[in-house]
C-alpha atoms as a PDB file:
ATOM      1  CA  MET A   1     -16.791 -44.510  -4.622  1.00  0.00           C
ATOM      2  CA  ILE A   2     -19.259 -42.529  -2.670  1.00  0.00           C
ATOM      3  CA  LEU A   3     -22.750 -44.175  -3.099  1.00  0.00           C
ATOM      4  CA  ALA A   4     -25.909 -41.963  -2.575  1.00  0.00           C
ATOM      5  CA  LYS A   5     -28.910 -43.908  -1.278  1.00  0.00           C
ATOM      6  CA  ALA A   6     -31.773 -41.135  -1.538  1.00  0.00           C
ATOM      7  CA  LEU A   7     -32.094 -37.882  -2.645  1.00  0.00           C
ATOM      8  CA  LEU A   8     -34.198 -35.987  -0.151  1.00  0.00           C
ATOM      9  CA  ASP A   9     -35.331 -32.234   0.273  1.00  0.00           C
ATOM     10  CA  ASP A  10     -35.805 -31.233   4.035  1.00  0.00           C
ATOM     11  CA  GLY A  11     -37.660 -27.964   3.292  1.00  0.00           C
ATOM     12  CA  SER A  12     -34.367 -25.952   4.155  1.00  0.00           C
ATOM     13  CA  GLY A  13     -33.647 -24.347   1.118  1.00  0.00           C
ATOM     14  CA  GLY A  14     -31.448 -27.114  -0.761  1.00  0.00           C
ATOM     15  CA  PRO A  15     -31.495 -30.939  -1.503  1.00  0.00           C
ATOM     16  CA  TRP A  16     -29.503 -33.247   0.548  1.00  0.00           C
ATOM     17  CA  ILE A  17     -27.859 -36.523   0.021  1.00  0.00           C
ATOM     18  CA  ALA A  18     -28.452 -39.352   2.547  1.00  0.00           C
ATOM     19  CA  GLU A  19     -25.129 -41.595   2.392  1.00  0.00           C
ATOM     20  CA  GLU A  20     -24.210 -44.687   4.751  1.00  0.00           C
ATOM     21  CA  ASN A  21     -24.105 -42.928   8.133  1.00  0.00           C
ATOM     22  CA  HIS A  22     -24.811 -39.323   7.466  1.00  0.00           C
ATOM     23  CA  GLU A  23     -25.930 -36.645   5.299  1.00  0.00           C
ATOM     24  CA  VAL A  24     -24.223 -34.212   2.846  1.00  0.00           C
ATOM     25  CA  SER A  25     -25.528 -31.339   0.712  1.00  0.00           C
ATOM     26  CA  LEU A  26     -25.881 -32.003  -3.239  1.00  0.00           C
ATOM     27  CA  GLU A  27     -23.160 -29.742  -3.762  1.00  0.00           C
ATOM     28  CA  GLU A  28     -20.824 -31.650  -1.366  1.00  0.00           C
ATOM     29  CA  HIS A  29     -21.697 -34.818  -2.923  1.00  0.00           C
ATOM     30  CA  LYS A  30     -20.947 -33.711  -6.428  1.00  0.00           C
ATOM     31  CA  ARG A  31     -17.596 -32.144  -5.143  1.00  0.00           C
ATOM     32  CA  ARG A  32     -16.755 -35.658  -3.835  1.00  0.00           C
ATOM     33  CA  GLU A  33     -17.793 -37.464  -7.006  1.00  0.00           C
ATOM     34  CA  ARG A  34     -15.453 -34.916  -8.867  1.00  0.00           C
ATOM     35  CA  ALA A  35     -12.658 -35.675  -6.807  1.00  0.00           C
ATOM     36  CA  GLN A  36     -13.135 -39.451  -6.991  1.00  0.00           C
ATOM     37  CA  ALA A  37     -13.236 -39.032 -10.722  1.00  0.00           C
ATOM     38  CA  ILE A  38      -9.936 -37.253 -10.838  1.00  0.00           C
ATOM     39  CA  GLY A  39      -8.330 -39.882  -8.559  1.00  0.00           C
ATOM     40  CA  LEU A  40      -9.680 -42.601 -10.790  1.00  0.00           C
ATOM     41  CA  PHE A  41      -8.190 -40.754 -14.056  1.00  0.00           C
ATOM     42  CA  ARG A  42      -4.931 -40.457 -12.270  1.00  0.00           C
ATOM     43  CA  TYR A  43      -4.788 -44.147 -11.309  1.00  0.00           C
ATOM     44  CA  GLN A  44      -5.468 -45.076 -14.953  1.00  0.00           C
ATOM     45  CA  LEU A  45      -2.486 -43.120 -16.028  1.00  0.00           C
ATOM     46  CA  ILE A  46      -0.137 -44.750 -13.779  1.00  0.00           C
ATOM     47  CA  CYS A  47      -1.544 -48.242 -13.412  1.00  0.00           C
ATOM     48  CA  PRO A  48       0.864 -49.658 -16.236  1.00  0.00           C
ATOM     49  CA  ALA A  49       3.999 -48.148 -14.606  1.00  0.00           C
ATOM     50  CA  LEU A  50       2.674 -49.804 -11.135  1.00  0.00           C
ATOM     51  CA  ASP A  51       3.645 -53.308 -12.352  1.00  0.00           C
ATOM     52  CA  GLU A  52       6.169 -54.559  -9.992  1.00  0.00           C
ATOM     53  CA  GLY A  53       7.945 -56.892 -12.756  1.00  0.00           C
ATOM     54  CA  LEU A  54       9.093 -53.749 -14.346  1.00  0.00           C
ATOM     55  CA  SER A  55      12.743 -52.893 -14.194  1.00  0.00           C
ATOM     56  CA  THR A  56      13.634 -49.194 -13.381  1.00  0.00           C
ATOM     57  CA  LYS A  57      14.667 -48.585 -16.989  1.00  0.00           C
ATOM     58  CA  GLN A  58      11.180 -50.357 -18.062  1.00  0.00           C
ATOM     59  CA  ARG A  59       9.229 -48.135 -15.908  1.00  0.00           C
ATOM     60  CA  GLY A  60      10.927 -44.924 -16.904  1.00  0.00           C
ATOM     61  CA  LYS A  61      10.460 -45.478 -20.756  1.00  0.00           C
ATOM     62  CA  LEU A  62       6.905 -46.397 -19.965  1.00  0.00           C
ATOM     63  CA  VAL A  63       6.254 -43.303 -17.969  1.00  0.00           C
ATOM     64  CA  ARG A  64       7.872 -41.328 -20.513  1.00  0.00           C
ATOM     65  CA  GLU A  65       5.616 -42.684 -23.185  1.00  0.00           C
ATOM     66  CA  ILE A  66       2.483 -41.792 -20.957  1.00  0.00           C
ATOM     67  CA  ALA A  67       3.724 -38.413 -20.571  1.00  0.00           C
ATOM     68  CA  ALA A  68       4.476 -37.782 -24.553  1.00  0.00           C
ATOM     69  CA  ALA A  69       0.733 -38.963 -25.130  1.00  0.00           C
ATOM     70  CA  THR A  70      -2.488 -36.856 -25.048  1.00  0.00           C
ATOM     71  CA  HIS A  71      -5.212 -38.230 -22.667  1.00  0.00           C
ATOM     72  CA  THR A  72      -8.801 -37.140 -22.152  1.00  0.00           C
ATOM     73  CA  ASP A  73      -9.636 -36.169 -18.606  1.00  0.00           C
ATOM     74  CA  PRO A  74     -12.875 -37.019 -16.945  1.00  0.00           C
ATOM     75  CA  PHE A  75     -14.570 -33.864 -18.046  1.00  0.00           C
ATOM     76  CA  GLY A  76     -13.716 -34.353 -21.849  1.00  0.00           C
ATOM     77  CA  ASN A  77     -10.958 -32.326 -22.236  1.00  0.00           C
ATOM     78  CA  GLN A  78      -7.410 -33.238 -23.870  1.00  0.00           C
ATOM     79  CA  THR A  79      -4.581 -32.836 -21.552  1.00  0.00           C
ATOM     80  CA  ARG A  80      -1.223 -33.666 -21.309  1.00  0.00           C
ATOM     81  CA  VAL A  81       0.687 -34.775 -17.980  1.00  0.00           C
ATOM     82  CA  SER A  82       4.469 -34.138 -17.570  1.00  0.00           C
ATOM     83  CA  ARG A  83       6.835 -36.724 -16.352  1.00  0.00           C
ATOM     84  CA  GLU A  84       7.276 -35.179 -13.008  1.00  0.00           C
ATOM     85  CA  THR A  85       3.659 -35.242 -12.239  1.00  0.00           C
ATOM     86  CA  LEU A  86       3.337 -38.919 -13.066  1.00  0.00           C
ATOM     87  CA  ASP A  87       6.409 -39.670 -10.913  1.00  0.00           C
ATOM     88  CA  ARG A  88       4.635 -37.845  -7.888  1.00  0.00           C
ATOM     89  CA  TRP A  89       1.275 -39.513  -8.431  1.00  0.00           C
ATOM     90  CA  ILE A  90       3.261 -43.062  -8.463  1.00  0.00           C
ATOM     91  CA  ARG A  91       4.875 -41.796  -5.112  1.00  0.00           C
ATOM     92  CA  ARG A  92       1.479 -41.076  -3.488  1.00  0.00           C
ATOM     93  CA  TYR A  93      -0.144 -44.351  -4.631  1.00  0.00           C
ATOM     94  CA  ARG A  94       2.735 -46.279  -3.385  1.00  0.00           C
ATOM     95  CA  GLY A  95       2.469 -44.397  -0.120  1.00  0.00           C
ATOM     96  CA  GLY A  96      -1.122 -43.880   0.331  1.00  0.00           C
ATOM     97  CA  GLY A  97      -2.985 -45.952  -1.920  1.00  0.00           C
ATOM     98  CA  PHE A  98      -5.867 -44.873  -4.249  1.00  0.00           C
ATOM     99  CA  GLU A  99      -7.137 -42.295  -1.529  1.00  0.00           C
ATOM    100  CA  ALA A 100      -3.832 -40.400  -1.962  1.00  0.00           C
ATOM    101  CA  LEU A 101      -4.553 -39.704  -5.464  1.00  0.00           C
ATOM    102  CA  VAL A 102      -7.887 -38.124  -4.879  1.00  0.00           C
ATOM    103  CA  PRO A 103      -7.457 -34.213  -4.503  1.00  0.00           C
ATOM    104  CA  ALA A 104      -8.239 -32.988  -0.990  1.00  0.00           C
ATOM    105  CA  PRO A 105     -11.167 -30.749  -0.679  1.00  0.00           C
ATOM    106  CA  ARG A 106     -10.440 -27.305  -0.962  1.00  0.00           C
ATOM    107  CA  ARG A 107     -10.255 -25.406   2.230  1.00  0.00           C
ATOM    108  CA  LEU A 108     -12.678 -22.258   2.037  1.00  0.00           C
ATOM    109  CA  ALA A 109     -11.405 -19.255   3.975  1.00  0.00           C
ATOM    110  CA  ALA A 110     -13.128 -19.248   7.621  1.00  0.00           C
ATOM    111  CA  ARG A 111     -15.117 -16.185   7.871  1.00  0.00           C
ATOM    112  CA  THR A 112     -15.025 -14.044  11.300  1.00  0.00           C
ATOM    113  CA  ASP A 113     -18.341 -13.383  12.767  1.00  0.00           C
ATOM    114  CA  ALA A 114     -19.500  -9.874  11.839  1.00  0.00           C
ATOM    115  CA  GLN A 115     -20.867  -9.484  15.346  1.00  0.00           C
ATOM    116  CA  VAL A 116     -17.499 -10.158  16.750  1.00  0.00           C
ATOM    117  CA  LEU A 117     -15.794  -7.529  14.674  1.00  0.00           C
ATOM    118  CA  GLU A 118     -18.355  -5.099  15.347  1.00  0.00           C
ATOM    119  CA  LEU A 119     -17.785  -5.593  19.101  1.00  0.00           C
ATOM    120  CA  ALA A 120     -14.011  -5.401  18.649  1.00  0.00           C
ATOM    121  CA  ALA A 121     -14.547  -2.175  16.313  1.00  0.00           C
ATOM    122  CA  SER A 122     -16.852  -0.489  19.320  1.00  0.00           C
ATOM    123  CA  LEU A 123     -14.070  -1.485  21.924  1.00  0.00           C
ATOM    124  CA  LYS A 124     -11.699   0.411  19.843  1.00  0.00           C
ATOM    125  CA  ARG A 125     -13.815   3.448  19.483  1.00  0.00           C
ATOM    126  CA  GLU A 126     -14.679   3.649  23.062  1.00  0.00           C
ATOM    127  CA  ASN A 127     -11.150   4.040  23.665  1.00  0.00           C
ATOM    128  CA  PRO A 128      -8.694   4.787  20.743  1.00  0.00           C
ATOM    129  CA  ALA A 129      -5.645   4.261  22.916  1.00  0.00           C
ATOM    130  CA  ARG A 130      -6.519   0.494  23.407  1.00  0.00           C
ATOM    131  CA  THR A 131      -3.877  -1.688  21.608  1.00  0.00           C
ATOM    132  CA  VAL A 132      -5.250  -4.692  19.431  1.00  0.00           C
ATOM    133  CA  ALA A 133      -4.008  -7.125  22.143  1.00  0.00           C
ATOM    134  CA  GLN A 134      -5.895  -5.418  24.812  1.00  0.00           C
ATOM    135  CA  VAL A 135      -9.021  -5.593  22.551  1.00  0.00           C
ATOM    136  CA  ALA A 136      -8.502  -9.396  21.833  1.00  0.00           C
ATOM    137  CA  ARG A 137      -8.273  -9.905  25.687  1.00  0.00           C
ATOM    138  CA  ILE A 138     -11.583  -8.390  26.415  1.00  0.00           C
ATOM    139  CA  LEU A 139     -13.009 -10.116  23.621  1.00  0.00           C
ATOM    140  CA  ARG A 140     -11.729 -13.710  24.761  1.00  0.00           C
ATOM    141  CA  THR A 141     -12.901 -12.827  28.314  1.00  0.00           C
ATOM    142  CA  ALA A 142     -16.567 -11.674  27.195  1.00  0.00           C
ATOM    143  CA  THR A 143     -17.177 -14.325  24.474  1.00  0.00           C
ATOM    144  CA  GLY A 144     -14.589 -17.111  24.834  1.00  0.00           C
ATOM    145  CA  TRP A 145     -13.215 -16.401  21.523  1.00  0.00           C
ATOM    146  CA  THR A 146     -11.326 -13.773  19.495  1.00  0.00           C
ATOM    147  CA  PRO A 147     -10.108 -13.513  16.088  1.00  0.00           C
ATOM    148  CA  SER A 148      -6.379 -13.180  15.400  1.00  0.00           C
ATOM    149  CA  GLU A 149      -4.366  -9.956  16.142  1.00  0.00           C
ATOM    150  CA  SER A 150      -3.678  -9.542  12.551  1.00  0.00           C
ATOM    151  CA  THR A 151      -7.445  -9.971  11.448  1.00  0.00           C
ATOM    152  CA  LEU A 152      -8.219  -7.291  14.148  1.00  0.00           C
ATOM    153  CA  LEU A 153      -5.879  -5.000  12.904  1.00  0.00           C
ATOM    154  CA  ARG A 154      -6.650  -5.293   9.323  1.00  0.00           C
ATOM    155  CA  HIS A 155     -10.242  -4.769  10.276  1.00  0.00           C
ATOM    156  CA  PHE A 156      -9.354  -1.352  12.270  1.00  0.00           C
ATOM    157  CA  HIS A 157      -7.253  -0.399   9.279  1.00  0.00           C
ATOM    158  CA  ARG A 158     -10.302  -0.671   7.082  1.00  0.00           C
ATOM    159  CA  LEU A 159     -12.284   1.355   9.476  1.00  0.00           C
ATOM    160  CA  GLU A 160      -9.669   4.054   9.891  1.00  0.00           C
ATOM    161  CA  LEU A 161      -9.463   3.414  13.692  1.00  0.00           C
ATOM    162  CA  THR A 162      -5.714   3.219  13.651  1.00  0.00           C
ATOM    163  CA  GLY A 163      -3.052   5.946  13.608  1.00  0.00           C
ATOM    164  CA  PRO A 164      -2.495   9.189  15.766  1.00  0.00           C
ATOM    165  CA  ASN A 165      -5.847  10.603  14.937  1.00  0.00           C
ATOM    166  CA  ALA A 166      -7.533   7.298  15.216  1.00  0.00           C
ATOM    167  CA  GLY A 167     -11.293   8.120  16.297  1.00  0.00           C
ATOM    168  CA  GLU A 168     -10.986  11.877  15.802  1.00  0.00           C
ATOM    169  CA  ALA A 169     -13.207  13.741  13.083  1.00  0.00           C
ATOM    170  CA  PRO A 170     -10.808  14.786  10.193  1.00  0.00           C
ATOM    171  CA  ALA A 171      -9.323  18.466  10.657  1.00  0.00           C
ATOM    172  CA  VAL A 172     -11.342  21.112   8.427  1.00  0.00           C
ATOM    173  CA  PHE A 173      -8.975  23.844   7.070  1.00  0.00           C
ATOM    174  CA  GLY A 174     -10.735  26.848   5.356  1.00  0.00           C
ATOM    175  CA  ARG A 175      -9.211  29.109   2.995  1.00  0.00           C
ATOM    176  CA  PHE A 176      -6.274  31.140   4.648  1.00  0.00           C
ATOM    177  CA  GLU A 177      -4.355  34.096   3.280  1.00  0.00           C
ATOM    178  CA  ALA A 178      -2.385  36.791   5.172  1.00  0.00           C
ATOM    179  CA  THR A 179      -4.223  39.991   5.678  1.00  0.00           C
ATOM    180  CA  ASP A 180      -1.451  42.359   4.994  1.00  0.00           C
ATOM    181  CA  PRO A 181       1.513  42.677   2.450  1.00  0.00           C
ATOM    182  CA  ASN A 182       4.897  41.491   4.175  1.00  0.00           C
ATOM    183  CA  GLN A 183       2.977  39.441   6.932  1.00  0.00           C
ATOM    184  CA  ILE A 184       4.006  35.864   5.616  1.00  0.00           C
ATOM    185  CA  TRP A 185       6.629  35.109   2.909  1.00  0.00           C
ATOM    186  CA  VAL A 186       6.620  31.529   1.903  1.00  0.00           C
ATOM    187  CA  GLY A 187       9.791  29.804   0.523  1.00  0.00           C
ATOM    188  CA  ASP A 188      10.644  27.069  -1.818  1.00  0.00           C
ATOM    189  CA  ALA A 189      12.596  25.462  -4.564  1.00  0.00           C
ATOM    190  CA  LEU A 190      11.561  24.587  -7.973  1.00  0.00           C
ATOM    191  CA  HIS A 191      13.393  22.089 -10.107  1.00  0.00           C
ATOM    192  CA  GLY A 192      14.345  24.008 -13.470  1.00  0.00           C
ATOM    193  CA  PRO A 193      15.683  23.523 -16.900  1.00  0.00           C
ATOM    194  CA  ARG A 194      19.240  21.748 -17.189  1.00  0.00           C
ATOM    195  CA  VAL A 195      22.231  23.895 -18.329  1.00  0.00           C
ATOM    196  CA  GLY A 196      24.503  21.734 -20.180  1.00  0.00           C
ATOM    197  CA  ASP A 197      24.994  18.651 -18.239  1.00  0.00           C
ATOM    198  CA  ARG A 198      23.930  20.392 -14.839  1.00  0.00           C
ATOM    199  CA  LYS A 199      20.593  20.584 -12.990  1.00  0.00           C
ATOM    200  CA  THR A 200      19.351  23.776 -12.090  1.00  0.00           C
ATOM    201  CA  TYR A 201      17.105  25.196  -9.324  1.00  0.00           C
ATOM    202  CA  LEU A 202      14.747  28.297  -8.556  1.00  0.00           C
ATOM    203  CA  PHE A 203      14.620  29.625  -5.276  1.00  0.00           C
ATOM    204  CA  ALA A 204      11.895  31.918  -4.794  1.00  0.00           C
ATOM    205  CA  PHE A 205       9.815  33.807  -1.777  1.00  0.00           C
ATOM    206  CA  LEU A 206       6.183  34.741  -2.365  1.00  0.00           C
ATOM    207  CA  ASP A 207       4.369  37.349  -0.316  1.00  0.00           C
ATOM    208  CA  ASP A 208       1.370  35.525   0.808  1.00  0.00           C
ATOM    209  CA  HIS A 209      -1.092  38.579   0.574  1.00  0.00           C
ATOM    210  CA  SER A 210      -0.201  39.975  -2.829  1.00  0.00           C
ATOM    211  CA  ARG A 211       1.389  36.569  -4.301  1.00  0.00           C
ATOM    212  CA  LEU A 212       4.088  38.917  -5.104  1.00  0.00           C
ATOM    213  CA  ALA A 213       7.695  37.171  -5.930  1.00  0.00           C
ATOM    214  CA  VAL A 214       9.902  39.332  -3.571  1.00  0.00           C
ATOM    215  CA  GLY A 215      12.947  37.366  -3.965  1.00  0.00           C
ATOM    216  CA  TYR A 216      14.202  34.778  -6.536  1.00  0.00           C
ATOM    217  CA  ARG A 217      17.530  33.211  -7.722  1.00  0.00           C
ATOM    218  CA  PHE A 218      18.729  30.447  -9.589  1.00  0.00           C
ATOM    219  CA  GLY A 219      21.492  28.019  -8.402  1.00  0.00           C
ATOM    220  CA  PHE A 220      23.135  24.692  -9.248  1.00  0.00           C
ATOM    221  CA  ALA A 221      22.566  23.059  -5.910  1.00  0.00           C
ATOM    222  CA  GLU A 222      19.384  22.654  -3.692  1.00  0.00           C
ATOM    223  CA  ASP A 223      20.631  23.886   0.037  1.00  0.00           C
ATOM    224  CA  THR A 224      20.239  26.546   2.518  1.00  0.00           C
ATOM    225  CA  VAL A 225      23.061  28.575   1.208  1.00  0.00           C
ATOM    226  CA  ARG A 226      21.256  29.240  -2.156  1.00  0.00           C
ATOM    227  CA  LEU A 227      17.871  29.793  -0.441  1.00  0.00           C
ATOM    228  CA  ALA A 228      19.399  32.438   1.681  1.00  0.00           C
ATOM    229  CA  ALA A 229      20.981  34.109  -1.270  1.00  0.00           C
ATOM    230  CA  ALA A 230      17.388  34.320  -2.567  1.00  0.00           C
ATOM    231  CA  LEU A 231      16.041  35.742   0.535  1.00  0.00           C
ATOM    232  CA  ARG A 232      18.742  38.227   0.906  1.00  0.00           C
ATOM    233  CA  PRO A 233      17.979  40.836  -2.025  1.00  0.00           C
ATOM    234  CA  ALA A 234      14.182  40.297  -1.019  1.00  0.00           C
ATOM    235  CA  LEU A 235      14.807  41.797   2.487  1.00  0.00           C
ATOM    236  CA  ALA A 236      17.005  44.700   1.123  1.00  0.00           C
ATOM    237  CA  ALA A 237      14.256  45.589  -1.265  1.00  0.00           C
ATOM    238  CA  ARG A 238      10.840  44.751   0.565  1.00  0.00           C
ATOM    239  CA  GLY A 239      11.876  45.172   4.180  1.00  0.00           C
ATOM    240  CA  VAL A 240      11.528  42.480   6.971  1.00  0.00           C
ATOM    241  CA  PRO A 241       8.434  40.522   6.904  1.00  0.00           C
ATOM    242  CA  ALA A 242       6.580  39.449  10.036  1.00  0.00           C
ATOM    243  CA  GLY A 243       6.993  35.672   9.369  1.00  0.00           C
ATOM    244  CA  ILE A 244       8.813  33.440   6.936  1.00  0.00           C
ATOM    245  CA  TYR A 245       7.723  29.775   6.235  1.00  0.00           C
ATOM    246  CA  VAL A 246      10.034  27.268   4.487  1.00  0.00           C
ATOM    247  CA  ASP A 247       8.613  24.033   3.943  1.00  0.00           C
ATOM    248  CA  TYR A 248      10.543  21.336   5.790  1.00  0.00           C
ATOM    249  CA  ALA A 249      13.310  23.469   6.960  1.00  0.00           C
ATOM    250  CA  ASP A 250      16.351  22.186   8.434  1.00  0.00           C
ATOM    251  CA  LEU A 251      17.441  23.707  11.953  1.00  0.00           C
ATOM    252  CA  THR A 252      20.640  24.516  10.220  1.00  0.00           C
ATOM    253  CA  ILE A 253      18.848  27.113   8.129  1.00  0.00           C
ATOM    254  CA  MET A 254      17.583  29.344  11.175  1.00  0.00           C
ATOM    255  CA  PRO A 255      21.112  30.822  11.985  1.00  0.00           C
ATOM    256  CA  ILE A 256      21.370  31.846   8.309  1.00  0.00           C
ATOM    257  CA  LEU A 257      17.917  33.448   8.189  1.00  0.00           C
ATOM    258  CA  SER A 258      18.142  34.960  11.553  1.00  0.00           C
ATOM    259  CA  GLY A 259      21.542  36.303  10.813  1.00  0.00           C
ATOM    260  CA  ILE A 260      20.132  37.832   7.308  1.00  0.00           C
ATOM    261  CA  GLY A 261      17.314  39.322   9.519  1.00  0.00           C
ATOM    262  CA  CYS A 262      19.286  40.939  11.695  1.00  0.00           C
ATOM    263  CA  GLY A 263      21.640  42.486   9.414  1.00  0.00           C
ATOM    264  CA  ALA A 264      18.484  43.755   7.804  1.00  0.00           C
ATOM    265  CA  GLY A 265      17.224  45.468  10.843  1.00  0.00           C
ATOM    266  CA  GLY A 266      15.139  42.734  12.553  1.00  0.00           C
ATOM    267  CA  SER A 267      14.070  39.098  13.118  1.00  0.00           C
ATOM    268  CA  VAL A 268      12.614  37.088  10.006  1.00  0.00           C
ATOM    269  CA  ALA A 269      12.518  33.290  11.287  1.00  0.00           C
ATOM    270  CA  GLY A 270      11.016  31.272  13.985  1.00  0.00           C
ATOM    271  CA  TYR A 271      11.303  27.285  13.902  1.00  0.00           C
ATOM    272  CA  ARG A 272       8.125  25.351  14.476  1.00  0.00           C
ATOM    273  CA  HIS A 273       8.510  21.665  15.243  1.00  0.00           C
ATOM    274  CA  ASN A 274       4.896  20.727  14.121  1.00  0.00           C
ATOM    275  CA  GLN A 275       4.011  20.413  10.416  1.00  0.00           C
ATOM    276  CA  ARG A 276       1.563  23.199  10.611  1.00  0.00           C
ATOM    277  CA  PRO A 277       2.798  26.776  11.092  1.00  0.00           C
ATOM    278  CA  SER A 278      -0.206  28.047  12.445  1.00  0.00           C
ATOM    279  CA  ARG A 279      -3.463  26.773  13.564  1.00  0.00           C
ATOM    280  CA  ASN A 280      -5.349  28.679  10.707  1.00  0.00           C
ATOM    281  CA  ALA A 281      -3.001  28.017   7.958  1.00  0.00           C
ATOM    282  CA  ARG A 282      -2.409  24.824   6.203  1.00  0.00           C
ATOM    283  CA  ILE A 283       0.767  24.911   4.615  1.00  0.00           C
ATOM    284  CA  GLY A 284       2.415  22.011   2.854  1.00  0.00           C
ATOM    285  CA  SER A 285       4.522  20.996   0.319  1.00  0.00           C
ATOM    286  CA  GLY A 286       3.495  22.858  -2.935  1.00  0.00           C
ATOM    287  CA  GLY A 287       0.278  23.997  -1.139  1.00  0.00           C
ATOM    288  CA  TRP A 288       1.400  27.643  -1.566  1.00  0.00           C
ATOM    289  CA  TYR A 289       3.710  27.531  -4.051  1.00  0.00           C
ATOM    290  CA  ARG A 290       2.236  27.800  -7.728  1.00  0.00           C
ATOM    291  CA  PRO A 291       4.979  27.077 -10.341  1.00  0.00           C
ATOM    292  CA  GLY A 292       3.151  29.369 -12.937  1.00  0.00           C
ATOM    293  CA  LEU A 293       3.533  32.248 -10.326  1.00  0.00           C
ATOM    294  CA  VAL A 294       6.939  31.798  -9.780  1.00  0.00           C
ATOM    295  CA  TRP A 295       7.786  31.542 -13.551  1.00  0.00           C
ATOM    296  CA  VAL A 296       5.670  34.715 -14.324  1.00  0.00           C
ATOM    297  CA  GLY A 297       7.248  36.563 -11.369  1.00  0.00           C
ATOM    298  CA  ALA A 298      10.772  35.652 -12.128  1.00  0.00           C
ATOM    299  CA  VAL A 299      11.236  36.146 -15.746  1.00  0.00           C
ATOM    300  CA  ALA A 300      13.579  38.788 -15.036  1.00  0.00           C
ATOM    301  CA  ALA A 301      15.668  36.739 -12.736  1.00  0.00           C
ATOM    302  CA  ILE A 302      15.637  33.834 -15.162  1.00  0.00           C
ATOM    303  CA  ALA A 303      17.382  35.893 -17.598  1.00  0.00           C
ATOM    304  CA  ARG A 304      19.871  37.290 -15.306  1.00  0.00           C
ATOM    305  CA  SER A 305      20.645  34.189 -13.804  1.00  0.00           C
ATOM    306  CA  PHE A 306      21.287  32.257 -16.957  1.00  0.00           C
ATOM    307  CA  ARG A 307      23.673  34.967 -18.134  1.00  0.00           C
ATOM    308  CA  VAL A 308      25.657  34.472 -14.797  1.00  0.00           C
ATOM    309  CA  MET A 309      25.669  30.680 -15.182  1.00  0.00           C
ATOM    310  CA  SER A 310      26.628  30.680 -18.750  1.00  0.00           C
ATOM    311  CA  ALA A 311      29.484  33.044 -18.005  1.00  0.00           C
ATOM    312  CA  CYS A 312      30.638  30.505 -15.280  1.00  0.00           C
ATOM    313  CA  ARG A 313      30.657  27.857 -17.420  1.00  0.00           C
END
């Protein structure tokens, strides 16, 4: 058992215990006493089963009786201990004596110096292209020590210092609207009601300036063929717009749209590899497409398409 010889207060903000050769905090002293009490409780439970004169059968019966009983732990709680736990404590005692029954002190997670993390963040901000490994090497050279790369990476993620736009101010997008009708059409698909056991899709094109649904059509599949089928009558009725934007359009759609446009007397499509169709317009999935407007603008098409689909069933 730990024997405390004196209770001291050194004026540093907390009491300390003077032990045989060193001093420990009062909290640490209480933690050790608690661990010793737990170890003693475990020893008292398994002590009868440690008798060398017992046969294997007798020891097994005795351990089962101990496991079936209810015991009072060092803190006054009623508890029961399983047979497997008792066997494990017996093995520990035989391998390491009483100290093996004393629970090891809980390891507290090490805290990384905040100044080191701030220095790492400064190095990353100074040159966003620096990798975590490079920052770690600089820290090791400058301070003689560095946190692990995983710690640095988590820290950079928290500060949003990673990714393609790390260190840059977030892009600001204002409101955008085409200045004239037929300047931009936006096409997309909307999941519609089921007809029988088949799913339906509503394809539509909206004029960005007027929000007019210039072309729309229902179909049983979500593909470029049905999309082009919705566009063709729009071109015939409204003419060729200056540009058409289709969210996440596949390259295979370009010949289809271009062919429709050429047949209508002009070019209607141009493919962009970036995710924004222009520097001033932020067009994303659903960003321009308002399902309410689509349904209102396509009432006639809904009725007409359902009649066609019902006739095809």
